[in-house]
Amino acid sequence: MKKNKSFKRELILSFLIIGITSIIILGSFQIYQLYSLVNEKQSNQIALTTFMEDYIDNYVDTHARIIETMSYQISDDVSEGDFASIQQDLSEIKAHYPGFVNLYIGDPEGQAMLFYPEVLTDGVIEENYNFSDRRYYQELIDKQTSVISPAFHGRGGTDLLLVAIVSPIFDDQGNMQGYLLGALDLNELDSYTSNRINDDTSKTIVLDRENNAIVHPDIDTARELVNLSNNEIVNHIEGNQTSGSFTIKDGDERKFITYGKIESLGWTVWISSPVIAIIGEFLDSIFAVILVALLTGAIVIITSLLLTNRLESAIHKLLHYIHSYTASYKKNEPFQLAAQISGPSEMNEVLIHFNGMMEEIDYNREKLMKLNTELEKRVRERTINLENKNTELRFKHAELSAVLESMFEGIMLLDNKKQIRYVNEFFLKVIENEALPPLQKHWKMFQNGCSLLLM
């Protein structure tokens, strides 16, 4: 048989279920909100990566268009050797587009003819350098069209890491008479991308078409040329579509990567964020919900104990009162009904109803005992009456038997089933001495319904 639980246990369990259920419902709602926030953070990172991709593409494309346009406009000045006018044009470009570190005009053999500004980044005055060994020069000669170079270390007064935009200068006959080069300041890209990231744990990385780091927070891209072709993240990006997101373990932590490929440049842009930074609030919220649930459970249990002890004390008083009444009732002892007990008003209402029930029981008990006494009296009277009747009947029976036995006539008494119920002594004597024919005559009278035969 299943054991019944105590009132205190049931009450504490009820309070605990109510408290924990409320916390779980509220916590689940908060976790859902944080889960939505995590998804929103990831979506924002994807959107920011797309924005960075578009910005860098537009940034380089704008500067490339300026170089292409200017190379066309100064073609006559180059043919005429009007370098003063060209220098004025270059100064205007530098003023309007500070993203250029420097600009210079080179001849078809790669010899620099004019630099702007003349004083370079390290304070050295420009000289006529030959850049025919540069890859961008070789590519320009081969394609005879505008070229955007991979990252490289500058020389000739600057050792900054640069990306060159080179456009050929043609004469009226369509022959290349030189080229215009604008060197992009990668620090401008680095500063812009860094300012767009509000989270200190997130990083923006930009690679050129040869996977050289153009923007990287852990690399001094102004001075160092670092190739990341063997990087696991780079390999993963190259094996997938032009944009997307994935999670990968980088070093000792997992990172959420969103990336995009600038197809016109062959560059790659990605933003890296530690997974723990994205879902940290989510995990903290789960921990907080569990902690609050445990604290709530402890508080509910303690509070329930205090409340149930007070209520249980009143219940025990009422039970003790009922037990005392039951014991006195069984022993038929007097019992003083209490007017009230200490505790909730409901307990006193129960006491009032119980007292009313006990008074009714006592009343019915007294009434029943009175009826029982009267019944016993009637039974005794009936018993005495029956005994008197039986005595009188036995006396009359004895008197009748004496009369019948003293008669000189034979008597036989039959019942309705023709069974002999009585014969007297004289009847037996008559039967023994009388001949058969008279007896047969009398027997026929028996058959006709006679119940008393006299002989």
Protein backbone atom coordinates (compact mmCIF):
# COMPACT_ATOMS: atom_id res chain seq x y z
CA MET A 1 0.00 0.00 0.00
CA LYS A 2 1.36 3.41 -0.96
CA LYS A 3 2.41 5.47 2.04
CA ASN A 4 0.65 8.81 2.35
CA LYS A 5 2.83 11.93 2.35
CA SER A 6 2.76 14.35 5.26
CA PHE A 7 0.94 17.65 5.02
CA LYS A 8 4.18 19.56 5.57
CA ARG A 9 5.93 17.70 2.77
CA GLU A 10 3.05 18.22 0.37
CA LEU A 11 2.86 21.94 1.18
CA ILE A 12 6.62 22.48 0.80
CA LEU A 13 6.62 20.53 -2.46
CA SER A 14 3.74 22.65 -3.77
CA PHE A 15 5.52 25.89 -2.90
CA LEU A 16 8.73 24.58 -4.44
CA ILE A 17 7.04 23.55 -7.67
CA ILE A 18 5.33 26.93 -7.97
CA GLY A 19 8.56 28.85 -7.34
CA ILE A 20 10.79 26.73 -9.58
CA THR A 21 8.18 26.67 -12.37
CA SER A 22 7.95 30.46 -12.32
CA ILE A 23 11.73 30.81 -12.48
CA ILE A 24 11.98 28.27 -15.30
CA ILE A 25 9.29 30.03 -17.33
CA LEU A 26 10.90 33.45 -16.87
CA GLY A 27 14.36 31.98 -17.43
CA SER A 28 13.25 30.22 -20.60
CA PHE A 29 11.89 33.50 -21.91
CA GLN A 30 15.20 35.22 -21.10
CA ILE A 31 17.20 32.41 -22.69
CA TYR A 32 15.06 32.67 -25.80
CA GLN A 33 15.73 36.41 -25.93
CA LEU A 34 19.46 35.86 -25.53
CA TYR A 35 19.37 33.11 -28.15
CA SER A 36 17.74 35.60 -30.50
CA LEU A 37 20.43 38.11 -29.51
CA VAL A 38 23.16 35.57 -30.36
CA ASN A 39 21.59 35.04 -33.78
CA GLU A 40 21.32 38.80 -34.19
CA LYS A 41 25.01 39.21 -33.32
CA GLN A 42 25.96 36.62 -35.91
CA SER A 43 23.69 38.26 -38.48
CA ASN A 44 25.21 41.65 -37.67
CA GLN A 45 28.69 40.23 -38.12
CA ILE A 46 27.70 38.81 -41.50
CA ALA A 47 26.22 42.17 -42.50
CA LEU A 48 29.35 43.99 -41.27
CA THR A 49 31.56 41.66 -43.30
CA THR A 50 29.50 42.39 -46.40
CA PHE A 51 29.75 46.11 -45.66
CA MET A 52 33.54 45.86 -45.24
CA GLU A 53 33.78 43.94 -48.47
CA ASP A 54 31.80 46.60 -50.33
CA TYR A 55 33.68 49.46 -48.67
CA ILE A 56 37.13 48.08 -49.54
CA ASP A 57 36.01 47.29 -53.06
CA ASN A 58 34.68 50.85 -53.48
CA TYR A 59 37.75 52.35 -51.77
CA VAL A 60 40.20 50.68 -54.11
CA ASP A 61 37.96 51.10 -57.14
CA THR A 62 37.58 54.84 -56.49
CA HIS A 63 41.35 55.32 -56.24
CA ALA A 64 41.87 53.13 -59.30
CA ARG A 65 39.46 55.24 -61.33
CA ILE A 66 41.30 58.40 -60.26
CA ILE A 67 44.62 56.96 -61.48
CA GLU A 68 43.09 55.79 -64.75
CA THR A 69 41.40 59.13 -65.36
CA MET A 70 44.53 61.12 -64.49
CA SER A 71 46.76 58.92 -66.70
CA TYR A 72 44.53 59.81 -69.62
CA GLN A 73 44.44 63.52 -68.76
CA ILE A 74 48.21 63.95 -68.41
CA SER A 75 49.13 62.01 -71.53
CA ASP A 76 49.70 65.26 -73.51
CA ASP A 77 51.74 66.81 -70.67
CA VAL A 78 53.93 63.69 -70.59
CA SER A 79 54.44 63.89 -74.33
CA GLU A 80 55.40 67.57 -74.02
CA GLY A 81 57.48 67.08 -70.89
CA ASP A 82 55.39 69.56 -68.92
CA PHE A 83 56.19 68.09 -65.51
CA ALA A 84 55.23 71.26 -63.67
CA SER A 85 51.65 70.87 -64.83
CA ILE A 86 51.75 67.16 -63.98
CA GLN A 87 53.04 67.90 -60.50
CA GLN A 88 50.17 70.33 -59.99
CA ASP A 89 47.69 67.62 -60.99
CA LEU A 90 49.31 65.10 -58.68
CA SER A 91 49.17 67.55 -55.79
CA GLU A 92 45.44 68.00 -56.34
CA ILE A 93 44.95 64.22 -56.30
CA LYS A 94 46.91 63.91 -53.08
CA ALA A 95 44.89 66.72 -51.50
CA HIS A 96 41.53 65.22 -52.41
CA TYR A 97 42.51 61.58 -51.86
CA PRO A 98 44.80 61.33 -48.84
CA GLY A 99 44.67 57.54 -49.11
CA PHE A 100 47.62 57.79 -51.51
CA VAL A 101 51.02 57.66 -49.80
CA ASN A 102 52.68 59.01 -52.91
CA LEU A 103 52.29 59.14 -56.67
CA TYR A 104 54.88 59.08 -59.39
CA ILE A 105 55.29 59.08 -63.17
CA GLY A 106 57.49 56.39 -64.71
CA ASP A 107 58.82 55.95 -68.23
CA PRO A 108 58.33 52.79 -70.32
CA GLU A 109 61.56 51.34 -68.86
CA GLY A 110 60.33 51.66 -65.26
CA GLN A 111 62.42 54.71 -64.43
CA ALA A 112 60.72 57.19 -62.09
CA MET A 113 60.47 60.64 -63.73
CA LEU A 114 58.43 62.57 -61.17
CA PHE A 115 57.46 61.95 -57.54
CA TYR A 116 54.78 63.64 -55.51
CA PRO A 117 55.29 64.56 -52.79
CA GLU A 118 58.98 65.18 -53.31
CA VAL A 119 59.75 64.65 -49.61
CA LEU A 120 58.87 61.05 -48.81
CA THR A 121 57.60 59.48 -45.61
CA ASP A 122 61.04 59.13 -44.06
CA GLY A 123 62.00 62.76 -44.87
CA VAL A 124 64.24 61.78 -47.79
CA ILE A 125 63.97 63.83 -50.99
CA GLU A 126 62.89 61.70 -53.92
CA GLU A 127 65.39 60.50 -56.49
CA ASN A 128 65.01 58.86 -59.87
CA TYR A 129 64.48 55.27 -58.89
CA ASN A 130 64.04 52.40 -61.29
CA PHE A 131 61.13 50.07 -60.55
CA SER A 132 61.37 47.80 -63.56
CA ASP A 133 61.96 44.86 -61.23
CA ARG A 134 58.58 45.23 -59.61
CA ARG A 135 55.93 42.64 -60.42
CA TYR A 136 53.34 45.31 -61.09
CA TYR A 137 55.64 46.77 -63.78
CA GLN A 138 56.04 43.39 -65.46
CA GLU A 139 52.29 42.84 -65.34
CA LEU A 140 51.65 46.32 -66.72
CA ILE A 141 54.00 45.71 -69.67
CA ASP A 142 52.32 42.37 -70.39
CA LYS A 143 48.67 43.52 -70.13
CA GLN A 144 48.99 47.18 -71.21
CA THR A 145 46.10 48.00 -68.87
CA SER A 146 45.56 49.13 -65.30
CA VAL A 147 47.05 46.87 -62.63
CA ILE A 148 46.43 46.59 -58.87
CA SER A 149 49.42 44.98 -57.26
CA PRO A 150 49.64 42.64 -54.29
CA ALA A 151 51.07 44.12 -51.08
CA PHE A 152 54.80 44.89 -51.15
CA HIS A 153 57.41 46.81 -49.23
CA GLY A 154 58.06 50.27 -50.61
CA ARG A 155 61.47 51.63 -51.40
CA GLY A 156 62.87 54.91 -52.46
CA GLY A 157 62.27 56.86 -49.28
CA THR A 158 59.55 54.66 -47.73
CA ASP A 159 59.55 51.18 -46.28
CA LEU A 160 55.80 51.11 -45.67
CA LEU A 161 53.73 48.20 -46.86
CA LEU A 162 51.94 49.41 -49.99
CA VAL A 163 49.46 48.38 -52.65
CA ALA A 164 50.12 50.04 -56.01
CA ILE A 165 47.53 51.10 -58.55
CA VAL A 166 49.27 51.44 -61.90
CA SER A 167 47.75 52.77 -65.14
CA PRO A 168 49.55 53.08 -68.51
CA ILE A 169 49.95 56.47 -70.26
CA PHE A 170 49.49 56.24 -74.02
CA ASP A 171 50.44 58.75 -76.68
CA ASP A 172 48.29 59.77 -79.62
CA GLN A 173 49.42 56.69 -81.58
CA GLY A 174 48.42 54.34 -78.75
CA ASN A 175 51.96 53.55 -77.68
CA MET A 176 52.74 53.41 -73.98
CA GLN A 177 54.94 56.37 -73.15
CA GLY A 178 54.95 55.83 -69.44
CA TYR A 179 52.69 55.05 -66.49
CA LEU A 180 51.12 56.67 -63.46
CA LEU A 181 51.38 54.91 -60.11
CA GLY A 182 49.52 55.68 -56.91
CA ALA A 183 50.61 53.86 -53.74
CA LEU A 184 47.72 53.23 -51.34
CA ASP A 185 48.24 53.82 -47.64
CA LEU A 186 47.11 50.56 -46.00
CA ASN A 187 46.96 52.31 -42.62
CA GLU A 188 43.86 54.11 -43.88
CA LEU A 189 42.12 50.77 -44.43
CA ASP A 190 43.34 49.48 -41.09
CA SER A 191 42.06 52.54 -39.23
CA TYR A 192 38.68 52.43 -40.94
CA THR A 193 38.06 48.71 -40.39
CA SER A 194 39.19 48.96 -36.76
CA ASN A 195 36.78 51.81 -36.10
CA ARG A 196 33.91 49.78 -37.50
CA ILE A 197 34.42 47.03 -34.91
CA ASN A 198 32.90 47.91 -31.56
CA ASP A 199 33.81 44.62 -29.93
CA ASP A 200 37.37 44.34 -28.61
CA THR A 201 37.35 40.58 -29.12
CA SER A 202 36.45 40.74 -32.83
CA LYS A 203 39.07 41.15 -35.53
CA THR A 204 38.95 42.23 -39.16
CA ILE A 205 41.47 40.69 -41.57
CA VAL A 206 42.00 41.70 -45.20
CA LEU A 207 44.20 39.66 -47.56
CA ASP A 208 45.33 40.49 -51.05
CA ARG A 209 45.10 38.08 -53.97
CA GLU A 210 48.30 36.31 -52.82
CA ASN A 211 46.98 35.99 -49.24
CA ASN A 212 49.32 38.67 -47.90
CA ALA A 213 47.94 40.43 -44.83
CA ILE A 214 46.85 43.95 -45.74
CA VAL A 215 44.85 44.51 -42.55
CA HIS A 216 45.50 42.36 -39.49
CA PRO A 217 45.30 43.48 -35.83
CA ASP A 218 48.05 41.06 -34.75
CA ILE A 219 50.46 42.05 -37.55
CA ASP A 220 52.19 45.38 -38.12
CA THR A 221 51.00 45.60 -41.70
CA ALA A 222 52.68 48.99 -42.08
CA ARG A 223 56.07 47.29 -41.79
CA GLU A 224 55.64 43.52 -42.07
CA LEU A 225 54.67 41.50 -45.10
CA VAL A 226 53.13 38.25 -43.81
CA ASN A 227 51.68 35.59 -46.08
CA LEU A 228 48.80 33.55 -44.61
CA SER A 229 48.41 30.95 -47.37
CA ASN A 230 49.00 28.15 -44.87
CA ASN A 231 46.50 29.50 -42.36
CA GLU A 232 43.69 27.03 -41.61
CA ILE A 233 41.02 29.72 -41.87
CA VAL A 234 42.36 30.82 -45.28
CA ASN A 235 42.34 27.23 -46.52
CA HIS A 236 38.77 26.80 -45.33
CA ILE A 237 37.65 30.00 -47.06
CA GLU A 238 39.37 29.11 -50.34
CA GLY A 239 37.57 25.79 -50.40
CA ASN A 240 34.12 27.39 -50.07
CA GLN A 241 31.90 29.85 -51.88
CA THR A 242 32.49 33.58 -52.25
CA SER A 243 30.85 34.45 -48.90
CA GLY A 244 29.51 32.71 -45.86
CA SER A 245 30.20 31.85 -42.23
CA PHE A 246 31.57 28.94 -40.24
CA THR A 247 32.96 28.00 -36.86
CA ILE A 248 36.52 26.75 -36.54
CA LYS A 249 39.03 26.09 -33.79
CA ASP A 250 41.88 28.57 -34.03
CA GLY A 251 44.53 27.91 -31.44
CA ASP A 252 42.97 27.27 -28.05
CA GLU A 253 39.53 28.71 -28.78
CA ARG A 254 36.73 28.31 -31.24
CA LYS A 255 35.94 31.26 -33.47
CA PHE A 256 32.99 32.32 -35.53
CA ILE A 257 34.18 33.44 -38.97
CA THR A 258 32.22 35.50 -41.49
CA TYR A 259 33.96 36.14 -44.80
CA GLY A 260 33.58 37.61 -48.24
CA LYS A 261 35.69 37.54 -51.40
CA ILE A 262 36.17 40.67 -53.49
CA GLU A 263 36.21 39.08 -56.92
CA SER A 264 37.28 42.25 -58.78
CA LEU A 265 40.46 42.45 -56.68
CA GLY A 266 40.95 38.84 -55.67
CA TRP A 267 41.05 40.04 -52.05
CA THR A 268 39.50 38.29 -49.05
CA VAL A 269 37.85 39.96 -46.06
CA TRP A 270 36.87 38.13 -42.91
CA ILE A 271 35.81 39.01 -39.38
CA SER A 272 36.76 36.67 -36.55
CA SER A 273 34.97 36.59 -33.19
CA PRO A 274 35.49 34.11 -30.34
CA VAL A 275 32.45 31.88 -29.99
CA ILE A 276 32.52 32.39 -26.25
CA ALA A 277 32.24 36.16 -26.79
CA ILE A 278 29.11 35.62 -28.91
CA ILE A 279 27.40 33.05 -26.72
CA GLY A 280 28.95 34.17 -23.43
CA GLU A 281 25.86 36.09 -22.37
CA PHE A 282 23.74 33.11 -23.41
CA LEU A 283 25.76 30.73 -21.24
CA ASP A 284 25.85 33.24 -18.38
CA SER A 285 22.08 33.53 -18.59
CA ILE A 286 21.63 29.76 -18.38
CA PHE A 287 23.95 29.68 -15.38
CA ALA A 288 22.06 32.58 -13.80
CA VAL A 289 18.72 30.83 -14.33
CA ILE A 290 20.05 27.65 -12.71
CA LEU A 291 21.56 29.62 -9.83
CA VAL A 292 18.38 31.64 -9.27
CA ALA A 293 16.32 28.43 -9.43
CA LEU A 294 18.52 26.85 -6.74
CA LEU A 295 18.42 29.97 -4.55
CA THR A 296 14.67 30.24 -5.06
CA GLY A 297 14.28 26.59 -4.12
CA ALA A 298 16.28 27.12 -0.93
CA ILE A 299 14.33 30.28 -0.02
CA VAL A 300 11.01 28.58 -0.78
CA ILE A 301 11.93 25.57 1.35
CA ILE A 302 12.99 27.75 4.30
CA THR A 303 9.92 29.97 4.00
CA SER A 304 7.68 26.93 3.59
CA LEU A 305 9.14 25.36 6.73
CA LEU A 306 8.37 28.49 8.73
CA LEU A 307 4.83 28.73 7.38
CA THR A 308 4.06 25.02 7.55
CA ASN A 309 5.41 24.74 11.11
CA ARG A 310 2.92 27.39 12.20
CA LEU A 311 0.10 25.74 10.28
CA GLU A 312 1.14 22.25 11.32
CA SER A 313 1.12 23.32 14.97
CA ALA A 314 -2.52 24.37 14.64
CA ILE A 315 -3.36 21.11 12.84
CA HIS A 316 -1.65 19.04 15.54
CA LYS A 317 -3.61 20.89 18.22
CA LEU A 318 -6.83 20.10 16.40
CA LEU A 319 -5.83 16.44 15.96
CA HIS A 320 -4.89 16.18 19.64
CA TYR A 321 -8.25 17.69 20.54
CA ILE A 322 -10.03 15.10 18.34
CA HIS A 323 -7.96 12.22 19.80
CA SER A 324 -8.76 13.35 23.34
CA TYR A 325 -12.46 13.48 22.57
CA THR A 326 -12.34 10.03 20.93
CA ALA A 327 -10.58 8.52 23.95
CA SER A 328 -13.09 10.06 26.40
CA TYR A 329 -15.97 8.93 24.19
CA LYS A 330 -14.74 5.32 24.25
CA LYS A 331 -14.32 5.41 28.01
CA ASN A 332 -17.64 7.20 28.42
CA GLU A 333 -15.93 9.97 30.33
CA PRO A 334 -17.02 13.63 30.30
CA PHE A 335 -15.16 15.92 27.90
CA GLN A 336 -15.05 19.70 27.90
CA LEU A 337 -15.41 21.13 24.36
CA ALA A 338 -12.94 23.92 23.56
CA ALA A 339 -14.22 27.26 22.30
CA GLN A 340 -11.19 27.91 20.02
CA ILE A 341 -7.58 26.96 19.30
CA SER A 342 -4.64 29.16 18.30
CA GLY A 343 -4.02 29.20 14.57
CA PRO A 344 -5.65 30.28 11.30
CA SER A 345 -9.32 31.19 11.35
CA GLU A 346 -10.06 28.19 9.13
CA MET A 347 -8.85 25.88 11.93
CA ASN A 348 -11.30 27.49 14.33
CA GLU A 349 -14.09 27.07 11.80
CA VAL A 350 -13.21 23.37 11.60
CA LEU A 351 -13.25 23.27 15.41
CA ILE A 352 -16.71 24.88 15.52
CA HIS A 353 -18.09 22.37 13.02
CA PHE A 354 -16.43 19.50 14.92
CA ASN A 355 -17.90 20.68 18.23
CA GLY A 356 -21.34 20.90 16.62
CA MET A 357 -20.93 17.37 15.30
CA MET A 358 -19.81 16.10 18.71
CA GLU A 359 -22.80 17.74 20.42
CA GLU A 360 -25.11 16.08 17.95
CA ILE A 361 -23.36 12.74 18.51
CA ASP A 362 -23.73 13.11 22.28
CA TYR A 363 -27.40 13.98 21.89
CA ASN A 364 -28.03 10.99 19.63
CA ARG A 365 -26.05 8.79 21.97
CA GLU A 366 -28.16 9.77 24.97
CA LYS A 367 -31.31 9.31 22.96
CA LEU A 368 -30.14 5.90 21.79
CA MET A 369 -29.27 4.82 25.32
CA LYS A 370 -32.73 5.90 26.51
CA LEU A 371 -34.40 3.94 23.72
CA ASN A 372 -32.20 0.95 24.53
CA THR A 373 -33.26 1.08 28.18
CA GLU A 374 -36.92 1.23 27.23
CA LEU A 375 -36.46 -1.67 24.83
CA GLU A 376 -34.77 -3.79 27.47
CA LYS A 377 -37.66 -3.06 29.84
CA ARG A 378 -40.21 -4.11 27.23
CA VAL A 379 -38.28 -7.29 26.45
CA ARG A 380 -38.18 -8.21 30.13
CA GLU A 381 -41.93 -7.60 30.44
CA ARG A 382 -42.68 -9.70 27.36
CA THR A 383 -40.41 -12.48 28.63
CA ILE A 384 -42.18 -12.59 31.98
CA ASN A 385 -45.56 -12.59 30.23
CA LEU A 386 -44.51 -15.47 27.97
CA GLU A 387 -43.19 -17.48 30.88
CA ASN A 388 -46.51 -17.01 32.68
CA LYS A 389 -48.43 -18.06 29.60
CA ASN A 390 -46.25 -21.14 29.19
CA THR A 391 -46.75 -22.11 32.81
CA GLU A 392 -50.49 -21.72 32.43
CA LEU A 393 -50.46 -23.71 29.21
CA ARG A 394 -48.47 -26.52 30.76
CA PHE A 395 -50.93 -26.64 33.65
CA LYS A 396 -53.93 -26.85 31.34
CA HIS A 397 -52.22 -29.48 29.23
CA ALA A 398 -51.57 -31.62 32.25
CA GLU A 399 -55.16 -31.17 33.37
CA LEU A 400 -56.48 -32.20 29.95
CA SER A 401 -54.17 -35.19 29.79
CA ALA A 402 -55.43 -36.37 33.16
CA VAL A 403 -59.04 -36.06 32.02
CA LEU A 404 -58.42 -37.95 28.79
CA GLU A 405 -56.52 -40.73 30.43
CA SER A 406 -59.27 -41.24 33.04
CA MET A 407 -62.03 -41.64 30.45
CA PHE A 408 -63.54 -45.09 29.69
CA GLU A 409 -63.74 -44.32 26.01
CA GLY A 410 -61.00 -44.77 23.48
CA ILE A 411 -59.77 -41.51 21.91
CA MET A 412 -57.42 -41.04 18.96
CA LEU A 413 -56.47 -37.57 17.60
CA LEU A 414 -55.26 -37.11 13.98
CA ASP A 415 -53.94 -34.03 12.22
CA ASN A 416 -54.93 -32.87 8.74
CA LYS A 417 -52.33 -35.20 7.16
CA LYS A 418 -53.97 -38.15 8.88
CA GLN A 419 -51.03 -38.57 11.17
CA ILE A 420 -51.88 -39.87 14.68
CA ARG A 421 -51.18 -37.17 17.19
CA TYR A 422 -52.67 -38.74 20.34
CA VAL A 423 -54.36 -41.90 21.64
CA ASN A 424 -55.39 -42.55 25.21
CA GLU A 425 -54.84 -45.69 27.20
CA PHE A 426 -58.35 -46.95 26.84
CA PHE A 427 -58.12 -46.63 23.04
CA LEU A 428 -55.16 -48.98 22.98
CA LYS A 429 -57.06 -51.52 25.06
CA VAL A 430 -60.04 -51.32 22.71
CA ILE A 431 -57.90 -51.86 19.64
CA GLU A 432 -56.30 -54.93 21.07
CA ASN A 433 -59.71 -56.64 21.98
CA GLU A 434 -61.95 -55.43 19.17
CA ALA A 435 -62.55 -57.48 16.04
CA LEU A 436 -61.40 -56.30 12.63
CA PRO A 437 -64.74 -55.36 10.99
CA PRO A 438 -65.61 -52.64 13.46
CA LEU A 439 -62.05 -51.27 13.06
CA GLN A 440 -62.35 -51.16 9.26
CA LYS A 441 -65.60 -49.31 9.64
CA HIS A 442 -63.96 -46.77 11.83
CA TRP A 443 -60.94 -46.49 9.40
CA LYS A 444 -63.24 -45.52 6.58
CA MET A 445 -64.45 -42.72 8.79
CA PHE A 446 -60.80 -41.58 9.08
CA GLN A 447 -60.56 -41.47 5.31
CA ASN A 448 -63.61 -39.26 5.11
CA GLY A 449 -61.80 -36.54 7.11
CA CYS A 450 -62.57 -37.46 10.67
CA SER A 451 -59.89 -36.25 13.02
CA LEU A 452 -61.28 -37.42 16.39
CA LEU A 453 -62.38 -41.03 16.88
CA LEU A 454 -64.27 -42.22 19.93
CA MET A 455 -64.64 -45.89 20.62
